[in-house]
Amino acid sequence: MSDVRQLLQAKGGTTFTIGPEAPVREAIKLMAEHRIGALLVMDGKHLLGVVSERDYARKVILQGRSSAQTAVAEIMSGEPLTVGPETDAFDCMRLCTDRRVRHLPVIENGQVIGVISTGDLVKAVIDAQAQQIEHLERYITS
């Protein structure tokens, strides 16, 4: 199974971020535009948290708040769980399941180098299983 560095290389290096003072409406617009479910909330190069569609639904829509007048910092999930680039994909899946999170920022030398989602992890598992099946089929037929 892959480690986080391999997953990031396979998916590409684009990481989408937003500042803490930006309106939630801007965050939702960025997520829709890029077809992603979360943004890293950054103050310069410092990771403050993660804001997701789930945060928007629970902390803006359900509470009757204005997405144009609510700052991202007011609804983000602060102190996010992070992983390093050498973390095994299975360990990431375990973290996501145990801690009930869908996005893991990846930190190397104190800097954000990417983000891994549960979708990335599921794809990695499917790819690994397909390779194993192919290997076993070749072994059986040889």
N, C-alpha and C. Protein backbone atom coordinates (compact mmCIF):
# COMPACT_ATOMS: atom_id res chain seq x y z
N MET A 1 0.83 -1.17 0.00
CA MET A 1 0.00 0.00 0.00
C MET A 1 0.88 1.24 0.00
N SER A 2 0.38 2.30 -0.53
CA SER A 2 1.12 3.55 -0.68
C SER A 2 1.26 4.32 0.62
N ASP A 3 2.27 5.19 0.63
CA ASP A 3 2.33 6.14 1.72
C ASP A 3 1.77 7.47 1.21
N VAL A 4 1.65 8.44 2.09
CA VAL A 4 1.01 9.71 1.75
C VAL A 4 1.76 10.43 0.64
N ARG A 5 3.10 10.39 0.65
CA ARG A 5 3.86 11.06 -0.40
C ARG A 5 3.49 10.52 -1.78
N GLN A 6 3.35 9.20 -1.90
CA GLN A 6 2.97 8.60 -3.18
C GLN A 6 1.55 9.01 -3.58
N LEU A 7 0.65 9.08 -2.62
CA LEU A 7 -0.72 9.51 -2.92
C LEU A 7 -0.75 10.95 -3.42
N LEU A 8 0.04 11.82 -2.78
CA LEU A 8 0.09 13.21 -3.22
C LEU A 8 0.68 13.34 -4.62
N GLN A 9 1.70 12.55 -4.91
CA GLN A 9 2.30 12.59 -6.25
C GLN A 9 1.30 12.13 -7.30
N ALA A 10 0.52 11.11 -6.97
CA ALA A 10 -0.46 10.58 -7.93
C ALA A 10 -1.60 11.56 -8.17
N LYS A 11 -2.04 12.28 -7.15
CA LYS A 11 -3.19 13.17 -7.31
C LYS A 11 -2.81 14.56 -7.78
N GLY A 12 -1.55 14.90 -7.70
CA GLY A 12 -1.13 16.25 -8.08
C GLY A 12 -0.97 17.12 -6.86
N GLY A 13 -0.24 18.19 -6.99
CA GLY A 13 0.16 18.97 -5.84
C GLY A 13 -0.71 20.16 -5.51
N THR A 14 -1.86 20.32 -6.13
CA THR A 14 -2.68 21.49 -5.87
C THR A 14 -3.39 21.38 -4.52
N THR A 15 -3.19 22.38 -3.69
CA THR A 15 -3.87 22.46 -2.40
C THR A 15 -4.65 23.77 -2.38
N PHE A 16 -5.92 23.68 -2.08
CA PHE A 16 -6.77 24.87 -2.08
C PHE A 16 -6.91 25.39 -0.65
N THR A 17 -6.71 26.69 -0.50
CA THR A 17 -6.71 27.32 0.82
C THR A 17 -7.58 28.56 0.82
N ILE A 18 -7.86 29.02 2.03
CA ILE A 18 -8.60 30.27 2.21
C ILE A 18 -8.14 30.89 3.53
N GLY A 19 -8.27 32.19 3.63
CA GLY A 19 -7.91 32.89 4.86
C GLY A 19 -9.03 32.84 5.88
N PRO A 20 -8.70 33.00 7.14
CA PRO A 20 -9.69 32.89 8.21
C PRO A 20 -10.75 34.00 8.20
N GLU A 21 -10.43 35.15 7.67
CA GLU A 21 -11.37 36.28 7.67
C GLU A 21 -12.27 36.30 6.44
N ALA A 22 -12.01 35.42 5.48
CA ALA A 22 -12.84 35.38 4.27
C ALA A 22 -14.27 34.97 4.63
N PRO A 23 -15.25 35.49 3.90
CA PRO A 23 -16.63 35.07 4.17
C PRO A 23 -16.84 33.61 3.76
N VAL A 24 -17.70 32.94 4.49
CA VAL A 24 -18.00 31.53 4.20
C VAL A 24 -18.49 31.37 2.77
N ARG A 25 -19.23 32.35 2.28
CA ARG A 25 -19.74 32.28 0.90
C ARG A 25 -18.60 32.09 -0.11
N GLU A 26 -17.48 32.77 0.13
CA GLU A 26 -16.31 32.64 -0.74
C GLU A 26 -15.73 31.22 -0.66
N ALA A 27 -15.71 30.66 0.54
CA ALA A 27 -15.20 29.30 0.72
C ALA A 27 -16.08 28.30 -0.04
N ILE A 28 -17.40 28.44 0.08
CA ILE A 28 -18.31 27.53 -0.60
C ILE A 28 -18.17 27.67 -2.11
N LYS A 29 -18.01 28.89 -2.58
CA LYS A 29 -17.83 29.14 -4.01
C LYS A 29 -16.55 28.45 -4.51
N LEU A 30 -15.45 28.56 -3.75
CA LEU A 30 -14.19 27.90 -4.14
C LEU A 30 -14.33 26.38 -4.17
N MET A 31 -15.01 25.83 -3.16
CA MET A 31 -15.20 24.38 -3.12
C MET A 31 -16.02 23.92 -4.32
N ALA A 32 -17.07 24.64 -4.65
CA ALA A 32 -17.90 24.27 -5.80
C ALA A 32 -17.12 24.39 -7.10
N GLU A 33 -16.38 25.46 -7.23
CA GLU A 33 -15.59 25.72 -8.43
C GLU A 33 -14.56 24.61 -8.70
N HIS A 34 -13.94 24.13 -7.62
CA HIS A 34 -12.88 23.12 -7.76
C HIS A 34 -13.37 21.70 -7.48
N ARG A 35 -14.66 21.57 -7.20
CA ARG A 35 -15.28 20.26 -6.95
C ARG A 35 -14.57 19.51 -5.83
N ILE A 36 -14.41 20.22 -4.71
CA ILE A 36 -13.77 19.63 -3.53
C ILE A 36 -14.69 19.84 -2.33
N GLY A 37 -14.44 19.10 -1.26
CA GLY A 37 -15.31 19.16 -0.10
C GLY A 37 -14.76 19.96 1.07
N ALA A 38 -13.52 20.46 0.95
CA ALA A 38 -12.94 21.20 2.07
C ALA A 38 -11.78 22.07 1.59
N LEU A 39 -11.50 23.09 2.38
CA LEU A 39 -10.36 23.98 2.14
C LEU A 39 -9.52 24.04 3.41
N LEU A 40 -8.22 24.17 3.23
CA LEU A 40 -7.37 24.43 4.38
C LEU A 40 -7.46 25.91 4.72
N VAL A 41 -7.60 26.22 5.98
CA VAL A 41 -7.65 27.62 6.42
C VAL A 41 -6.24 27.99 6.85
N MET A 42 -5.67 28.97 6.15
CA MET A 42 -4.28 29.32 6.35
C MET A 42 -4.14 30.80 6.70
N ASP A 43 -3.20 31.09 7.59
CA ASP A 43 -2.77 32.45 7.88
C ASP A 43 -1.33 32.52 7.39
N GLY A 44 -1.15 32.97 6.16
CA GLY A 44 0.17 32.89 5.53
C GLY A 44 0.50 31.43 5.28
N LYS A 45 1.58 30.96 5.88
CA LYS A 45 1.97 29.55 5.74
C LYS A 45 1.57 28.71 6.94
N HIS A 46 0.83 29.33 7.88
CA HIS A 46 0.44 28.65 9.12
C HIS A 46 -0.96 28.06 8.98
N LEU A 47 -1.06 26.75 9.20
CA LEU A 47 -2.34 26.05 9.13
C LEU A 47 -3.15 26.33 10.39
N LEU A 48 -4.34 26.90 10.20
CA LEU A 48 -5.22 27.19 11.34
C LEU A 48 -6.32 26.15 11.51
N GLY A 49 -6.78 25.59 10.39
CA GLY A 49 -7.88 24.65 10.46
C GLY A 49 -8.32 24.18 9.10
N VAL A 50 -9.48 23.54 9.08
CA VAL A 50 -10.09 23.04 7.85
C VAL A 50 -11.55 23.47 7.87
N VAL A 51 -12.03 23.97 6.74
CA VAL A 51 -13.45 24.30 6.62
C VAL A 51 -14.03 23.41 5.53
N SER A 52 -15.16 22.78 5.84
CA SER A 52 -15.75 21.82 4.91
C SER A 52 -17.21 22.13 4.64
N GLU A 53 -17.74 21.45 3.66
CA GLU A 53 -19.17 21.56 3.36
C GLU A 53 -19.99 21.15 4.59
N ARG A 54 -19.49 20.20 5.32
CA ARG A 54 -20.17 19.75 6.55
C ARG A 54 -20.23 20.89 7.57
N ASP A 55 -19.12 21.63 7.74
CA ASP A 55 -19.11 22.78 8.64
C ASP A 55 -20.16 23.81 8.20
N TYR A 56 -20.22 24.05 6.90
CA TYR A 56 -21.18 25.00 6.35
C TYR A 56 -22.61 24.57 6.65
N ALA A 57 -22.91 23.31 6.39
CA ALA A 57 -24.27 22.82 6.62
C ALA A 57 -24.67 22.91 8.08
N ARG A 58 -23.76 22.51 8.96
CA ARG A 58 -24.10 22.45 10.39
C ARG A 58 -24.00 23.79 11.12
N LYS A 59 -23.06 24.62 10.70
CA LYS A 59 -22.79 25.83 11.47
C LYS A 59 -23.28 27.13 10.82
N VAL A 60 -23.74 27.04 9.58
CA VAL A 60 -24.30 28.21 8.92
C VAL A 60 -25.77 27.95 8.58
N ILE A 61 -26.01 27.00 7.72
CA ILE A 61 -27.37 26.72 7.25
C ILE A 61 -28.31 26.35 8.41
N LEU A 62 -27.94 25.36 9.20
CA LEU A 62 -28.82 24.91 10.28
C LEU A 62 -29.01 25.94 11.38
N GLN A 63 -28.06 26.87 11.50
CA GLN A 63 -28.17 27.90 12.53
C GLN A 63 -28.72 29.21 11.99
N GLY A 64 -29.10 29.22 10.71
CA GLY A 64 -29.69 30.40 10.11
C GLY A 64 -28.76 31.59 9.99
N ARG A 65 -27.47 31.33 9.86
CA ARG A 65 -26.49 32.40 9.73
C ARG A 65 -26.34 32.81 8.27
N SER A 66 -25.75 33.95 8.05
CA SER A 66 -25.50 34.45 6.70
C SER A 66 -24.11 34.01 6.23
N SER A 67 -24.06 33.35 5.09
CA SER A 67 -22.76 32.91 4.56
C SER A 67 -21.94 34.09 4.06
N ALA A 68 -22.59 35.19 3.74
CA ALA A 68 -21.86 36.37 3.28
C ALA A 68 -21.28 37.17 4.44
N GLN A 69 -21.86 37.02 5.63
CA GLN A 69 -21.41 37.82 6.77
C GLN A 69 -20.71 37.01 7.86
N THR A 70 -20.60 35.70 7.66
CA THR A 70 -19.91 34.84 8.62
C THR A 70 -18.51 34.56 8.12
N ALA A 71 -17.51 34.76 8.96
CA ALA A 71 -16.12 34.50 8.58
C ALA A 71 -15.82 33.00 8.68
N VAL A 72 -14.95 32.55 7.82
CA VAL A 72 -14.51 31.15 7.82
C VAL A 72 -14.03 30.72 9.20
N ALA A 73 -13.31 31.60 9.89
CA ALA A 73 -12.76 31.28 11.22
C ALA A 73 -13.85 30.92 12.23
N GLU A 74 -15.06 31.42 12.01
CA GLU A 74 -16.15 31.16 12.95
C GLU A 74 -16.73 29.75 12.82
N ILE A 75 -16.50 29.11 11.68
CA ILE A 75 -17.11 27.78 11.49
C ILE A 75 -16.09 26.67 11.23
N MET A 76 -14.84 27.02 11.01
CA MET A 76 -13.83 26.00 10.67
C MET A 76 -13.60 25.04 11.84
N SER A 77 -13.08 23.89 11.50
CA SER A 77 -12.62 22.94 12.51
C SER A 77 -11.16 23.27 12.79
N GLY A 78 -10.89 23.79 13.97
CA GLY A 78 -9.53 24.21 14.32
C GLY A 78 -8.69 23.04 14.80
N GLU A 79 -7.40 23.29 14.89
CA GLU A 79 -6.43 22.28 15.32
C GLU A 79 -6.65 20.95 14.60
N PRO A 80 -6.52 20.96 13.28
CA PRO A 80 -6.81 19.74 12.52
C PRO A 80 -5.79 18.63 12.78
N LEU A 81 -6.26 17.43 12.67
CA LEU A 81 -5.41 16.25 12.71
C LEU A 81 -4.56 16.27 11.45
N THR A 82 -3.25 16.10 11.57
CA THR A 82 -2.37 16.13 10.40
C THR A 82 -1.55 14.84 10.33
N VAL A 83 -0.99 14.60 9.16
CA VAL A 83 -0.10 13.45 8.95
C VAL A 83 1.15 13.92 8.22
N GLY A 84 2.17 13.07 8.26
CA GLY A 84 3.40 13.35 7.53
C GLY A 84 3.41 12.59 6.21
N PRO A 85 4.32 12.92 5.32
CA PRO A 85 4.36 12.27 4.00
C PRO A 85 4.73 10.79 4.05
N GLU A 86 5.35 10.33 5.13
CA GLU A 86 5.71 8.91 5.23
C GLU A 86 4.61 8.07 5.87
N THR A 87 3.53 8.68 6.28
CA THR A 87 2.43 7.95 6.91
C THR A 87 1.81 6.98 5.90
N ASP A 88 1.56 5.77 6.35
CA ASP A 88 0.97 4.73 5.50
C ASP A 88 -0.50 5.06 5.25
N ALA A 89 -0.98 4.76 4.05
CA ALA A 89 -2.37 5.04 3.69
C ALA A 89 -3.35 4.31 4.62
N PHE A 90 -3.03 3.09 5.03
CA PHE A 90 -3.91 2.37 5.95
C PHE A 90 -4.00 3.09 7.30
N ASP A 91 -2.89 3.64 7.76
CA ASP A 91 -2.90 4.40 9.02
C ASP A 91 -3.78 5.65 8.86
N CYS A 92 -3.72 6.28 7.69
CA CYS A 92 -4.57 7.44 7.43
C CYS A 92 -6.04 7.05 7.45
N MET A 93 -6.36 5.91 6.85
CA MET A 93 -7.75 5.45 6.86
C MET A 93 -8.22 5.20 8.29
N ARG A 94 -7.36 4.61 9.09
CA ARG A 94 -7.69 4.34 10.47
C ARG A 94 -7.95 5.66 11.23
N LEU A 95 -7.08 6.65 11.00
CA LEU A 95 -7.26 7.96 11.64
C LEU A 95 -8.58 8.60 11.23
N CYS A 96 -8.86 8.57 9.94
CA CYS A 96 -10.11 9.17 9.44
C CYS A 96 -11.32 8.49 10.06
N THR A 97 -11.28 7.19 10.15
CA THR A 97 -12.41 6.44 10.71
C THR A 97 -12.53 6.68 12.21
N ASP A 98 -11.42 6.55 12.94
CA ASP A 98 -11.46 6.69 14.39
C ASP A 98 -11.81 8.11 14.83
N ARG A 99 -11.29 9.10 14.12
CA ARG A 99 -11.50 10.50 14.53
C ARG A 99 -12.63 11.17 13.77
N ARG A 100 -13.26 10.43 12.85
CA ARG A 100 -14.41 10.92 12.09
C ARG A 100 -14.11 12.21 11.33
N VAL A 101 -12.98 12.18 10.60
CA VAL A 101 -12.61 13.30 9.74
C VAL A 101 -12.51 12.81 8.31
N ARG A 102 -12.63 13.72 7.37
CA ARG A 102 -12.58 13.35 5.95
C ARG A 102 -11.38 13.92 5.22
N HIS A 103 -10.65 14.82 5.88
CA HIS A 103 -9.50 15.47 5.23
C HIS A 103 -8.34 15.55 6.21
N LEU A 104 -7.16 15.15 5.72
CA LEU A 104 -5.95 15.17 6.54
C LEU A 104 -4.90 16.06 5.87
N PRO A 105 -4.63 17.24 6.43
CA PRO A 105 -3.52 18.03 5.91
C PRO A 105 -2.21 17.28 6.11
N VAL A 106 -1.31 17.42 5.14
CA VAL A 106 -0.02 16.75 5.18
C VAL A 106 1.05 17.80 5.47
N ILE A 107 1.82 17.55 6.53
CA ILE A 107 2.83 18.50 6.98
C ILE A 107 4.22 17.87 6.87
N GLU A 108 5.14 18.64 6.28
CA GLU A 108 6.55 18.22 6.22
C GLU A 108 7.42 19.42 6.59
N ASN A 109 8.31 19.23 7.54
CA ASN A 109 9.18 20.31 8.02
C ASN A 109 8.39 21.55 8.41
N GLY A 110 7.24 21.35 9.04
CA GLY A 110 6.43 22.45 9.53
C GLY A 110 5.60 23.16 8.47
N GLN A 111 5.64 22.68 7.23
CA GLN A 111 4.92 23.32 6.14
C GLN A 111 3.86 22.38 5.55
N VAL A 112 2.74 22.95 5.15
CA VAL A 112 1.69 22.16 4.48
C VAL A 112 2.17 21.83 3.07
N ILE A 113 2.15 20.53 2.74
CA ILE A 113 2.55 20.13 1.38
C ILE A 113 1.39 19.51 0.61
N GLY A 114 0.23 19.37 1.23
CA GLY A 114 -0.92 18.81 0.54
C GLY A 114 -2.00 18.43 1.52
N VAL A 115 -3.03 17.78 0.99
CA VAL A 115 -4.13 17.29 1.81
C VAL A 115 -4.61 15.98 1.20
N ILE A 116 -4.90 15.02 2.05
CA ILE A 116 -5.40 13.71 1.64
C ILE A 116 -6.85 13.59 2.11
N SER A 117 -7.73 13.16 1.23
CA SER A 117 -9.13 12.99 1.59
C SER A 117 -9.47 11.50 1.69
N THR A 118 -10.59 11.21 2.28
CA THR A 118 -11.02 9.80 2.35
C THR A 118 -11.21 9.25 0.94
N GLY A 119 -11.62 10.08 0.00
CA GLY A 119 -11.74 9.64 -1.39
C GLY A 119 -10.39 9.21 -1.97
N ASP A 120 -9.34 9.94 -1.66
CA ASP A 120 -7.99 9.57 -2.10
C ASP A 120 -7.59 8.23 -1.50
N LEU A 121 -7.94 8.03 -0.24
CA LEU A 121 -7.58 6.79 0.45
C LEU A 121 -8.36 5.60 -0.09
N VAL A 122 -9.64 5.79 -0.36
CA VAL A 122 -10.45 4.70 -0.93
C VAL A 122 -9.90 4.33 -2.31
N LYS A 123 -9.55 5.32 -3.12
CA LYS A 123 -8.97 5.04 -4.43
C LYS A 123 -7.68 4.25 -4.30
N ALA A 124 -6.84 4.59 -3.32
CA ALA A 124 -5.58 3.88 -3.11
C ALA A 124 -5.84 2.43 -2.74
N VAL A 125 -6.82 2.18 -1.90
CA VAL A 125 -7.16 0.80 -1.51
C VAL A 125 -7.66 0.02 -2.72
N ILE A 126 -8.54 0.62 -3.50
CA ILE A 126 -9.06 -0.05 -4.70
C ILE A 126 -7.93 -0.38 -5.66
N ASP A 127 -7.04 0.57 -5.89
CA ASP A 127 -5.90 0.34 -6.79
C ASP A 127 -5.00 -0.77 -6.27
N ALA A 128 -4.73 -0.78 -4.95
CA ALA A 128 -3.87 -1.81 -4.35
C ALA A 128 -4.52 -3.18 -4.47
N GLN A 129 -5.82 -3.25 -4.25
CA GLN A 129 -6.53 -4.54 -4.38
C GLN A 129 -6.53 -5.02 -5.82
N ALA A 130 -6.70 -4.12 -6.77
CA ALA A 130 -6.68 -4.50 -8.18
C ALA A 130 -5.31 -5.06 -8.57
N GLN A 131 -4.25 -4.42 -8.07
CA GLN A 131 -2.90 -4.91 -8.36
C GLN A 131 -2.69 -6.28 -7.74
N GLN A 132 -3.17 -6.48 -6.52
CA GLN A 132 -3.00 -7.76 -5.86
C GLN A 132 -3.78 -8.85 -6.59
N ILE A 133 -4.98 -8.55 -7.02
CA ILE A 133 -5.79 -9.52 -7.77
C ILE A 133 -5.09 -9.89 -9.07
N GLU A 134 -4.57 -8.88 -9.77
CA GLU A 134 -3.86 -9.13 -11.02
C GLU A 134 -2.63 -10.02 -10.78
N HIS A 135 -1.89 -9.73 -9.72
CA HIS A 135 -0.71 -10.52 -9.37
C HIS A 135 -1.10 -11.97 -9.07
N LEU A 136 -2.15 -12.15 -8.28
CA LEU A 136 -2.61 -13.50 -7.94
C LEU A 136 -3.12 -14.26 -9.16
N GLU A 137 -3.82 -13.58 -10.06
CA GLU A 137 -4.28 -14.23 -11.29
C GLU A 137 -3.11 -14.70 -12.14
N ARG A 138 -2.07 -13.84 -12.25
CA ARG A 138 -0.88 -14.24 -13.02
C ARG A 138 -0.19 -15.43 -12.36
N TYR A 139 -0.13 -15.43 -11.02
CA TYR A 139 0.49 -16.52 -10.29
C TYR A 139 -0.27 -17.82 -10.52
N ILE A 140 -1.58 -17.75 -10.45
CA ILE A 140 -2.42 -18.96 -10.62
C ILE A 140 -2.32 -19.50 -12.03
N THR A 141 -2.30 -18.65 -13.02
CA THR A 141 -2.29 -19.11 -14.42
C THR A 141 -0.90 -19.43 -14.93
N SER A 142 0.14 -19.18 -14.16
CA SER A 142 1.50 -19.50 -14.65
C SER A 142 1.98 -20.84 -14.18
